[in-house]
N, C-alpha and C. Protein backbone atom coordinates (compact mmCIF):
# COMPACT_ATOMS: atom_id res chain seq x y z
N MET A 1 10.02 -59.48 35.71
CA MET A 1 9.57 -58.35 36.50
C MET A 1 8.32 -58.75 37.29
N LYS A 2 8.33 -58.47 38.58
CA LYS A 2 7.21 -58.82 39.44
C LYS A 2 6.04 -57.85 39.23
N ALA A 3 4.85 -58.34 39.54
CA ALA A 3 3.64 -57.52 39.39
C ALA A 3 3.64 -56.31 40.31
N HIS A 4 4.36 -56.38 41.44
CA HIS A 4 4.34 -55.29 42.41
C HIS A 4 5.27 -54.14 42.04
N GLU A 5 6.24 -54.39 41.16
CA GLU A 5 7.20 -53.34 40.81
C GLU A 5 6.47 -52.16 40.17
N GLY A 6 6.74 -50.98 40.68
CA GLY A 6 6.09 -49.78 40.18
C GLY A 6 4.77 -49.49 40.87
N ILE A 7 4.25 -50.44 41.65
CA ILE A 7 2.97 -50.24 42.34
C ILE A 7 3.21 -49.88 43.80
N ILE A 8 4.14 -50.57 44.45
CA ILE A 8 4.48 -50.22 45.84
C ILE A 8 5.94 -49.78 45.89
N ASP A 9 6.26 -48.96 46.86
CA ASP A 9 7.63 -48.45 46.95
C ASP A 9 8.54 -49.45 47.66
N LYS A 10 9.85 -49.18 47.59
CA LYS A 10 10.84 -50.09 48.16
C LYS A 10 10.70 -50.21 49.67
N LYS A 11 10.34 -49.12 50.33
CA LYS A 11 10.17 -49.14 51.78
C LYS A 11 9.06 -50.10 52.17
N CYS A 12 7.95 -50.03 51.47
CA CYS A 12 6.82 -50.92 51.73
C CYS A 12 7.22 -52.37 51.43
N PHE A 13 7.95 -52.57 50.35
CA PHE A 13 8.40 -53.91 49.98
C PHE A 13 9.28 -54.50 51.08
N ARG A 14 10.21 -53.70 51.61
CA ARG A 14 11.09 -54.16 52.69
C ARG A 14 10.27 -54.54 53.93
N LYS A 15 9.23 -53.76 54.22
CA LYS A 15 8.37 -54.06 55.36
C LYS A 15 7.66 -55.40 55.15
N LEU A 16 7.21 -55.63 53.93
CA LEU A 16 6.53 -56.89 53.63
C LEU A 16 7.47 -58.08 53.74
N VAL A 17 8.70 -57.92 53.29
CA VAL A 17 9.68 -59.00 53.39
C VAL A 17 9.95 -59.32 54.86
N LYS A 18 10.11 -58.29 55.68
CA LYS A 18 10.31 -58.51 57.12
C LYS A 18 9.09 -59.19 57.74
N ALA A 19 7.92 -58.79 57.32
CA ALA A 19 6.69 -59.41 57.82
C ALA A 19 6.62 -60.87 57.40
N GLN A 20 7.01 -61.14 56.15
CA GLN A 20 7.02 -62.53 55.68
C GLN A 20 8.00 -63.36 56.50
N GLN A 21 9.16 -62.80 56.80
CA GLN A 21 10.13 -63.50 57.64
C GLN A 21 9.55 -63.78 59.02
N HIS A 22 8.79 -62.83 59.55
CA HIS A 22 8.14 -63.03 60.84
C HIS A 22 7.14 -64.19 60.77
N ILE A 23 6.36 -64.23 59.71
CA ILE A 23 5.40 -65.34 59.55
C ILE A 23 6.15 -66.67 59.44
N HIS A 24 7.22 -66.70 58.68
CA HIS A 24 8.00 -67.93 58.52
C HIS A 24 8.60 -68.39 59.84
N SER A 25 9.00 -67.45 60.66
CA SER A 25 9.63 -67.79 61.95
C SER A 25 8.60 -68.15 63.02
N ASN A 26 7.37 -67.69 62.87
CA ASN A 26 6.37 -67.84 63.93
C ASN A 26 5.06 -68.46 63.44
N PHE A 27 5.10 -69.26 62.39
CA PHE A 27 3.87 -69.77 61.79
C PHE A 27 3.05 -70.65 62.72
N LEU A 28 3.66 -71.17 63.78
CA LEU A 28 2.91 -72.00 64.71
C LEU A 28 2.08 -71.17 65.69
N GLU A 29 2.37 -69.90 65.81
CA GLU A 29 1.60 -69.03 66.70
C GLU A 29 0.28 -68.65 66.05
N SER A 30 -0.77 -68.66 66.82
CA SER A 30 -2.09 -68.35 66.27
C SER A 30 -2.22 -66.90 65.83
N ASN A 31 -1.44 -66.01 66.41
CA ASN A 31 -1.53 -64.60 66.06
C ASN A 31 -0.33 -64.11 65.22
N ALA A 32 0.34 -65.01 64.54
CA ALA A 32 1.54 -64.65 63.76
C ALA A 32 1.23 -63.63 62.67
N ILE A 33 0.09 -63.75 62.03
CA ILE A 33 -0.25 -62.84 60.93
C ILE A 33 -0.57 -61.45 61.47
N ASP A 34 -1.33 -61.39 62.55
CA ASP A 34 -1.63 -60.09 63.15
C ASP A 34 -0.35 -59.40 63.63
N LYS A 35 0.54 -60.18 64.24
CA LYS A 35 1.82 -59.62 64.69
C LYS A 35 2.66 -59.15 63.50
N ALA A 36 2.65 -59.91 62.42
CA ALA A 36 3.41 -59.53 61.22
C ALA A 36 2.86 -58.23 60.63
N ALA A 37 1.54 -58.09 60.60
CA ALA A 37 0.93 -56.86 60.09
C ALA A 37 1.31 -55.68 60.97
N LYS A 38 1.25 -55.89 62.27
CA LYS A 38 1.61 -54.84 63.21
C LYS A 38 3.11 -54.51 63.08
N TYR A 39 3.92 -55.55 62.97
CA TYR A 39 5.37 -55.40 62.83
C TYR A 39 5.72 -54.61 61.57
N SER A 40 4.93 -54.79 60.52
CA SER A 40 5.20 -54.10 59.25
C SER A 40 4.83 -52.61 59.33
N GLY A 41 3.97 -52.27 60.27
CA GLY A 41 3.53 -50.88 60.38
C GLY A 41 2.45 -50.52 59.39
N LEU A 42 1.89 -51.50 58.71
CA LEU A 42 0.83 -51.28 57.73
C LEU A 42 -0.50 -51.67 58.35
N SER A 43 -1.57 -51.09 57.85
CA SER A 43 -2.89 -51.50 58.33
C SER A 43 -3.11 -52.96 57.93
N ARG A 44 -3.94 -53.65 58.69
CA ARG A 44 -4.20 -55.08 58.42
C ARG A 44 -4.70 -55.28 56.99
N PHE A 45 -5.61 -54.41 56.55
CA PHE A 45 -6.16 -54.52 55.20
C PHE A 45 -5.08 -54.29 54.14
N TYR A 46 -4.32 -53.20 54.27
CA TYR A 46 -3.28 -52.88 53.28
C TYR A 46 -2.17 -53.94 53.30
N PHE A 47 -1.85 -54.41 54.49
CA PHE A 47 -0.85 -55.47 54.62
C PHE A 47 -1.26 -56.71 53.84
N SER A 48 -2.48 -57.18 54.06
CA SER A 48 -2.96 -58.39 53.38
C SER A 48 -3.01 -58.20 51.86
N ARG A 49 -3.49 -57.05 51.46
CA ARG A 49 -3.62 -56.76 50.03
C ARG A 49 -2.26 -56.70 49.32
N THR A 50 -1.33 -55.97 49.91
CA THR A 50 -0.01 -55.84 49.27
C THR A 50 0.81 -57.12 49.41
N TYR A 51 0.63 -57.84 50.50
CA TYR A 51 1.32 -59.13 50.69
C TYR A 51 0.95 -60.07 49.55
N LYS A 52 -0.34 -60.16 49.26
CA LYS A 52 -0.79 -61.03 48.18
C LYS A 52 -0.25 -60.56 46.83
N LEU A 53 -0.21 -59.28 46.63
CA LEU A 53 0.30 -58.72 45.38
C LEU A 53 1.78 -59.09 45.19
N VAL A 54 2.56 -58.99 46.25
CA VAL A 54 3.99 -59.23 46.17
C VAL A 54 4.33 -60.73 46.16
N PHE A 55 3.74 -61.49 47.06
CA PHE A 55 4.12 -62.89 47.23
C PHE A 55 3.17 -63.88 46.56
N GLU A 56 2.14 -63.37 45.92
CA GLU A 56 1.18 -64.18 45.16
C GLU A 56 0.44 -65.21 46.00
N GLU A 57 0.32 -64.91 47.30
CA GLU A 57 -0.50 -65.68 48.23
C GLU A 57 -0.78 -64.79 49.42
N THR A 58 -1.87 -65.07 50.11
CA THR A 58 -2.21 -64.26 51.28
C THR A 58 -1.30 -64.66 52.44
N PRO A 59 -1.22 -63.80 53.46
CA PRO A 59 -0.44 -64.18 54.65
C PRO A 59 -0.97 -65.49 55.27
N PHE A 60 -2.28 -65.65 55.28
CA PHE A 60 -2.88 -66.87 55.81
C PHE A 60 -2.44 -68.09 55.00
N GLN A 61 -2.42 -67.97 53.68
CA GLN A 61 -1.98 -69.08 52.82
C GLN A 61 -0.52 -69.42 53.09
N SER A 62 0.31 -68.40 53.33
CA SER A 62 1.72 -68.65 53.67
C SER A 62 1.84 -69.46 54.95
N ALA A 63 1.10 -69.05 55.98
CA ALA A 63 1.16 -69.73 57.27
C ALA A 63 0.64 -71.17 57.16
N ILE A 64 -0.45 -71.35 56.45
CA ILE A 64 -1.02 -72.70 56.27
C ILE A 64 -0.05 -73.58 55.49
N LYS A 65 0.55 -73.04 54.44
CA LYS A 65 1.51 -73.82 53.65
C LYS A 65 2.65 -74.31 54.54
N LEU A 66 3.16 -73.43 55.38
CA LEU A 66 4.25 -73.82 56.28
C LEU A 66 3.79 -74.86 57.29
N LYS A 67 2.59 -74.67 57.83
CA LYS A 67 2.05 -75.65 58.78
C LYS A 67 1.91 -77.02 58.11
N MET A 68 1.42 -77.04 56.90
CA MET A 68 1.22 -78.32 56.22
C MET A 68 2.56 -78.97 55.84
N LEU A 69 3.53 -78.18 55.45
CA LEU A 69 4.87 -78.73 55.18
C LEU A 69 5.48 -79.30 56.46
N PHE A 70 5.30 -78.57 57.55
CA PHE A 70 5.81 -79.02 58.83
C PHE A 70 5.07 -80.28 59.29
N ALA A 71 3.77 -80.32 59.06
CA ALA A 71 2.98 -81.51 59.41
C ALA A 71 3.50 -82.72 58.64
N ARG A 72 3.75 -82.55 57.35
CA ARG A 72 4.28 -83.65 56.55
C ARG A 72 5.64 -84.09 57.07
N LEU A 73 6.46 -83.14 57.46
CA LEU A 73 7.76 -83.45 58.02
C LEU A 73 7.61 -84.26 59.32
N LEU A 74 6.73 -83.82 60.20
CA LEU A 74 6.50 -84.53 61.46
C LEU A 74 5.98 -85.94 61.22
N LEU A 75 5.04 -86.06 60.29
CA LEU A 75 4.46 -87.38 59.99
C LEU A 75 5.49 -88.30 59.33
N THR A 76 6.44 -87.72 58.62
CA THR A 76 7.45 -88.51 57.93
C THR A 76 8.58 -88.93 58.87
N LYS A 77 9.01 -88.03 59.71
CA LYS A 77 10.23 -88.25 60.47
C LYS A 77 10.04 -88.75 61.89
N LEU A 78 8.89 -88.53 62.49
CA LEU A 78 8.68 -88.90 63.88
C LEU A 78 7.50 -89.86 64.02
N ASP A 79 7.58 -90.68 65.04
CA ASP A 79 6.47 -91.60 65.33
C ASP A 79 5.52 -90.94 66.32
N LEU A 80 4.76 -89.99 65.82
CA LEU A 80 3.79 -89.28 66.65
C LEU A 80 2.38 -89.68 66.24
N GLU A 81 1.50 -89.68 67.21
CA GLU A 81 0.09 -89.88 66.91
C GLU A 81 -0.43 -88.65 66.16
N ILE A 82 -1.48 -88.81 65.38
CA ILE A 82 -2.09 -87.69 64.67
C ILE A 82 -2.50 -86.60 65.67
N SER A 83 -3.02 -87.02 66.81
CA SER A 83 -3.43 -86.05 67.83
C SER A 83 -2.24 -85.25 68.36
N GLU A 84 -1.07 -85.87 68.45
CA GLU A 84 0.13 -85.17 68.92
C GLU A 84 0.60 -84.15 67.88
N VAL A 85 0.52 -84.52 66.61
CA VAL A 85 0.89 -83.58 65.54
C VAL A 85 -0.07 -82.40 65.55
N ALA A 86 -1.36 -82.69 65.69
CA ALA A 86 -2.37 -81.62 65.75
C ALA A 86 -2.07 -80.68 66.91
N GLU A 87 -1.72 -81.22 68.05
CA GLU A 87 -1.41 -80.40 69.23
C GLU A 87 -0.16 -79.54 68.98
N LEU A 88 0.88 -80.13 68.42
CA LEU A 88 2.11 -79.38 68.14
C LEU A 88 1.88 -78.24 67.16
N LEU A 89 0.93 -78.42 66.25
CA LEU A 89 0.62 -77.40 65.25
C LEU A 89 -0.48 -76.44 65.72
N ASN A 90 -0.87 -76.57 66.97
CA ASN A 90 -1.86 -75.68 67.60
C ASN A 90 -3.25 -75.78 66.99
N TYR A 91 -3.63 -76.96 66.53
CA TYR A 91 -5.01 -77.18 66.11
C TYR A 91 -5.83 -77.54 67.35
N PRO A 92 -7.09 -77.12 67.39
CA PRO A 92 -7.90 -77.37 68.60
C PRO A 92 -8.16 -78.85 68.86
N ASP A 93 -8.15 -79.67 67.79
CA ASP A 93 -8.39 -81.09 67.94
C ASP A 93 -7.88 -81.82 66.69
N PRO A 94 -7.71 -83.14 66.77
CA PRO A 94 -7.20 -83.91 65.63
C PRO A 94 -8.10 -83.82 64.40
N PHE A 95 -9.42 -83.72 64.60
CA PHE A 95 -10.33 -83.63 63.47
C PHE A 95 -10.07 -82.37 62.65
N SER A 96 -9.90 -81.23 63.33
CA SER A 96 -9.61 -79.96 62.63
C SER A 96 -8.31 -80.06 61.84
N PHE A 97 -7.30 -80.66 62.47
CA PHE A 97 -6.02 -80.84 61.78
C PHE A 97 -6.19 -81.74 60.56
N SER A 98 -6.86 -82.87 60.73
CA SER A 98 -7.04 -83.81 59.62
C SER A 98 -7.80 -83.17 58.47
N LYS A 99 -8.81 -82.40 58.80
CA LYS A 99 -9.60 -81.72 57.77
C LYS A 99 -8.72 -80.72 57.00
N ALA A 100 -7.93 -79.92 57.71
CA ALA A 100 -7.04 -78.95 57.06
C ALA A 100 -5.97 -79.66 56.24
N PHE A 101 -5.42 -80.74 56.79
CA PHE A 101 -4.39 -81.50 56.08
C PHE A 101 -4.94 -82.06 54.78
N LYS A 102 -6.13 -82.65 54.84
CA LYS A 102 -6.74 -83.22 53.64
C LYS A 102 -7.07 -82.14 52.61
N LEU A 103 -7.56 -81.02 53.07
CA LEU A 103 -7.88 -79.91 52.16
C LEU A 103 -6.63 -79.45 51.41
N TYR A 104 -5.52 -79.38 52.10
CA TYR A 104 -4.27 -78.90 51.49
C TYR A 104 -3.56 -79.98 50.68
N ASN A 105 -3.51 -81.21 51.20
CA ASN A 105 -2.71 -82.28 50.59
C ASN A 105 -3.51 -83.29 49.77
N LYS A 106 -4.82 -83.18 49.82
CA LYS A 106 -5.73 -84.07 49.07
C LYS A 106 -5.77 -85.50 49.61
N ILE A 107 -5.09 -85.76 50.72
CA ILE A 107 -5.17 -87.05 51.41
C ILE A 107 -5.14 -86.78 52.91
N THR A 108 -5.60 -87.73 53.70
CA THR A 108 -5.61 -87.57 55.15
C THR A 108 -4.20 -87.78 55.71
N PRO A 109 -3.95 -87.33 56.93
CA PRO A 109 -2.64 -87.58 57.54
C PRO A 109 -2.33 -89.08 57.63
N SER A 110 -3.31 -89.89 57.94
CA SER A 110 -3.10 -91.34 58.02
C SER A 110 -2.72 -91.91 56.65
N GLN A 111 -3.40 -91.48 55.60
CA GLN A 111 -3.06 -91.94 54.26
C GLN A 111 -1.66 -91.49 53.87
N PHE A 112 -1.31 -90.26 54.22
CA PHE A 112 0.04 -89.75 53.94
C PHE A 112 1.08 -90.61 54.65
N ARG A 113 0.84 -90.87 55.93
CA ARG A 113 1.79 -91.69 56.70
C ARG A 113 1.91 -93.08 56.10
N ASP A 114 0.80 -93.66 55.66
CA ASP A 114 0.84 -94.98 55.03
C ASP A 114 1.67 -94.97 53.75
N LEU A 115 1.59 -93.88 52.99
CA LEU A 115 2.38 -93.77 51.76
C LEU A 115 3.88 -93.75 52.04
N ILE A 116 4.28 -93.12 53.12
CA ILE A 116 5.71 -92.98 53.39
C ILE A 116 6.21 -94.00 54.42
N LYS A 117 5.32 -94.84 54.90
CA LYS A 117 5.66 -95.77 55.98
C LYS A 117 6.87 -96.64 55.67
N GLY A 118 7.02 -97.07 54.44
CA GLY A 118 8.13 -97.92 54.07
C GLY A 118 9.46 -97.19 54.05
N GLY A 119 9.43 -95.85 54.07
CA GLY A 119 10.66 -95.07 54.02
C GLY A 119 11.43 -95.12 55.32
N LYS A 120 12.73 -94.89 55.23
CA LYS A 120 13.62 -94.89 56.38
C LYS A 120 13.55 -93.55 57.10
N LYS A 121 13.51 -93.58 58.42
CA LYS A 121 13.50 -92.34 59.20
C LYS A 121 14.86 -91.66 59.07
N GLN A 122 14.84 -90.34 58.94
CA GLN A 122 16.06 -89.55 58.80
C GLN A 122 16.05 -88.42 59.81
N PRO A 123 17.18 -87.72 59.96
CA PRO A 123 17.19 -86.58 60.91
C PRO A 123 16.10 -85.56 60.57
N LEU A 124 15.63 -84.88 61.57
CA LEU A 124 14.53 -83.93 61.42
C LEU A 124 15.02 -82.62 60.81
N SER A 125 15.08 -82.57 59.49
CA SER A 125 15.43 -81.33 58.79
C SER A 125 14.82 -81.39 57.40
N LEU A 126 14.48 -80.21 56.89
CA LEU A 126 13.86 -80.11 55.57
C LEU A 126 14.06 -78.70 55.07
N GLN A 127 14.45 -78.57 53.82
CA GLN A 127 14.55 -77.24 53.22
C GLN A 127 13.47 -77.13 52.17
N VAL A 128 12.71 -76.04 52.25
CA VAL A 128 11.60 -75.82 51.35
C VAL A 128 11.89 -74.56 50.54
N ASN A 129 11.80 -74.67 49.23
CA ASN A 129 11.98 -73.51 48.37
C ASN A 129 10.61 -73.07 47.87
N SER A 130 10.29 -71.82 48.08
CA SER A 130 9.00 -71.31 47.64
C SER A 130 9.08 -70.87 46.18
N ASP A 131 7.93 -70.58 45.61
CA ASP A 131 7.86 -70.12 44.23
C ASP A 131 8.58 -68.78 44.04
N GLN A 132 8.68 -68.01 45.13
CA GLN A 132 9.30 -66.70 45.03
C GLN A 132 10.81 -66.75 45.19
N GLY A 133 11.39 -67.96 45.34
CA GLY A 133 12.83 -68.09 45.47
C GLY A 133 13.31 -68.03 46.91
N ASN A 134 12.40 -67.86 47.85
CA ASN A 134 12.78 -67.86 49.26
C ASN A 134 13.02 -69.29 49.71
N SER A 135 13.89 -69.45 50.66
CA SER A 135 14.20 -70.77 51.17
C SER A 135 13.93 -70.80 52.67
N ILE A 136 13.27 -71.85 53.12
CA ILE A 136 12.95 -72.01 54.53
C ILE A 136 13.61 -73.31 54.97
N LEU A 137 14.39 -73.25 56.02
CA LEU A 137 15.08 -74.43 56.51
C LEU A 137 14.49 -74.83 57.85
N PHE A 138 13.92 -76.04 57.91
CA PHE A 138 13.48 -76.62 59.17
C PHE A 138 14.60 -77.55 59.59
N GLU A 139 15.35 -77.16 60.61
CA GLU A 139 16.48 -77.99 61.03
C GLU A 139 16.64 -77.86 62.54
N ASN A 140 17.00 -78.97 63.16
CA ASN A 140 17.20 -78.99 64.61
C ASN A 140 16.03 -78.35 65.34
N LEU A 141 14.86 -78.79 64.98
CA LEU A 141 13.64 -78.20 65.53
C LEU A 141 13.40 -78.66 66.96
N PRO A 142 12.87 -77.81 67.80
CA PRO A 142 12.62 -78.19 69.18
C PRO A 142 11.57 -79.28 69.32
N VAL A 143 10.79 -79.50 68.27
CA VAL A 143 9.74 -80.52 68.31
C VAL A 143 10.32 -81.89 68.56
N SER A 144 11.51 -82.18 68.06
CA SER A 144 12.10 -83.50 68.24
C SER A 144 12.31 -83.79 69.72
N SER A 145 12.73 -82.81 70.50
CA SER A 145 12.89 -83.03 71.93
C SER A 145 11.54 -83.15 72.63
N ILE A 146 10.55 -82.40 72.18
CA ILE A 146 9.22 -82.49 72.76
C ILE A 146 8.66 -83.89 72.54
N SER A 147 8.81 -84.40 71.31
CA SER A 147 8.25 -85.72 71.02
C SER A 147 8.97 -86.81 71.80
N ARG A 148 10.29 -86.67 72.01
CA ARG A 148 11.02 -87.66 72.80
C ARG A 148 10.53 -87.66 74.24
N GLU A 149 10.29 -86.46 74.79
CA GLU A 149 9.79 -86.37 76.15
C GLU A 149 8.43 -87.06 76.25
N LYS A 150 7.57 -86.83 75.26
CA LYS A 150 6.24 -87.45 75.28
C LYS A 150 6.37 -88.97 75.18
N LYS A 151 7.29 -89.45 74.32
CA LYS A 151 7.47 -90.89 74.17
C LYS A 151 7.96 -91.51 75.47
N MET A 152 8.89 -90.83 76.14
CA MET A 152 9.42 -91.36 77.39
C MET A 152 8.33 -91.44 78.46
N THR A 153 7.47 -90.43 78.52
CA THR A 153 6.42 -90.47 79.52
C THR A 153 5.38 -91.55 79.20
N ARG A 154 5.22 -91.86 77.92
CA ARG A 154 4.26 -92.89 77.55
C ARG A 154 4.80 -94.28 77.87
N THR A 155 6.12 -94.48 77.74
CA THR A 155 6.69 -95.80 77.91
C THR A 155 7.04 -96.10 79.37
N VAL A 156 7.13 -95.07 80.20
CA VAL A 156 7.51 -95.28 81.61
C VAL A 156 6.37 -95.84 82.40
């Protein structure tokens, strides 16, 4: 039995699930959390509070977790510079991205890439299962075409 059962009603729970889906679909947008709160029809404060109660993490933590999983995927599967990954993830600069990556993963993006460097490149897809049983599939992402365009412009 979840901690939220009996505390919030089913209607509110459904709104939170839809908001979580919005965050999962739009985590690269800087205003994804504000849009999710607005989309849920709940006040920003009540949204954040009940979101944490239901999903056992704040909306911000959800978005950061997805960004960091996506960053690891990009660093594993594509030959992108750290600055390019930072740009794709909407960080203002590579330093901010590296700092956030290290805070979350306990190693720098360069160290992470060095750890997986010997691995074989595979198609750009990853399925992530959260603690709450939700599944997020990163597959056929538009980033692969963006990175190819950048590579072509660099080599021409």
